[in-house]
Amino acid sequence: MREPMEFMLLLWDELDDWTGACRHLAGEVVSEIGAVAAPLTTALLAGTVTAWVLVSHLHPLTGI
C-alpha cells in the first residue's frame, strides 16, 4: 500500500494534468472562435458600409 503522502502527490499531479488540459482546450476554443468571428465581422461591416453608401446615393436627403 502506498503512503498517504505519495497518494496525495499522485492525485495532485493527476488534477494538475486535467486542469492543464482543460485550460489548453479552453484557449483553443477561444482562438478558433476569434479566427471565425474576425472575418465574419469584417464582411458584415463591409456589407453595411456598402449598403449605406448605395442607399445614401439613392436618397439625396440622407447624403454622406
Protein backbone atom coordinates (compact mmCIF):
# COMPACT_ATOMS: atom_id res chain seq x y z
CA MET A 1 0.00 0.00 0.00
CA ARG A 2 1.19 3.48 -0.82
CA GLU A 3 1.91 6.06 1.79
CA PRO A 4 -0.73 8.80 2.17
CA MET A 5 1.70 11.49 1.05
CA GLU A 6 2.60 9.59 -2.12
CA PHE A 7 -1.09 9.09 -2.86
CA MET A 8 -1.78 12.83 -2.38
CA LEU A 9 1.11 13.73 -4.68
CA LEU A 10 -0.15 11.37 -7.38
CA LEU A 11 -3.67 12.76 -7.01
CA TRP A 12 -2.37 16.33 -7.15
CA ASP A 13 -0.35 15.52 -10.29
CA GLU A 14 -3.40 13.98 -11.96
CA LEU A 15 -5.56 17.01 -11.10
CA ASP A 16 -2.85 19.31 -12.44
CA ASP A 17 -2.77 17.36 -15.71
CA TRP A 18 -6.55 17.62 -16.07
CA THR A 19 -6.66 21.35 -15.32
CA GLY A 20 -3.83 21.93 -17.81
CA ALA A 21 -5.72 20.00 -20.48
CA CYS A 22 -8.93 21.93 -19.77
CA ARG A 23 -7.05 25.24 -19.88
CA HIS A 24 -5.48 24.26 -23.20
CA LEU A 25 -8.85 23.24 -24.64
CA ALA A 26 -10.49 26.49 -23.49
CA GLY A 27 -7.68 28.51 -25.07
CA GLU A 28 -8.03 26.66 -28.36
CA VAL A 29 -11.80 27.21 -28.40
CA VAL A 30 -11.36 30.95 -27.83
CA SER A 31 -8.71 31.08 -30.54
CA GLU A 32 -10.92 29.25 -33.04
CA ILE A 33 -13.91 31.49 -32.25
CA GLY A 34 -11.73 34.54 -32.82
CA ALA A 35 -10.44 33.12 -36.09
CA VAL A 36 -14.02 32.66 -37.34
CA ALA A 37 -15.52 35.83 -35.87
CA ALA A 38 -12.96 38.28 -37.28
CA PRO A 39 -13.64 37.62 -41.00
CA LEU A 40 -17.39 37.48 -40.40
CA THR A 41 -17.32 40.81 -38.57
CA THR A 42 -15.23 42.36 -41.34
CA ALA A 43 -17.61 41.08 -44.03
CA LEU A 44 -20.65 42.33 -42.11
CA LEU A 45 -19.09 45.77 -41.62
CA ALA A 46 -18.07 46.00 -45.29
CA GLY A 47 -21.57 44.98 -46.38
CA THR A 48 -23.15 47.54 -44.07
CA VAL A 49 -20.92 50.35 -45.31
CA THR A 50 -21.55 49.37 -48.94
CA ALA A 51 -25.31 49.31 -48.41
CA TRP A 52 -25.20 52.65 -46.58
CA VAL A 53 -23.21 54.26 -49.41
CA LEU A 54 -25.58 52.88 -52.07
CA VAL A 55 -28.71 53.97 -50.18
CA SER A 56 -27.27 57.42 -49.44
CA HIS A 57 -26.69 57.97 -53.18
CA LEU A 58 -30.22 56.87 -53.98
CA HIS A 59 -31.78 59.25 -51.45
CA PRO A 60 -30.26 62.76 -51.66
CA LEU A 61 -31.65 63.76 -48.25
CA THR A 62 -29.50 61.15 -46.49
CA GLY A 63 -26.22 62.30 -48.10
CA ILE A 64 -22.89 61.27 -46.71
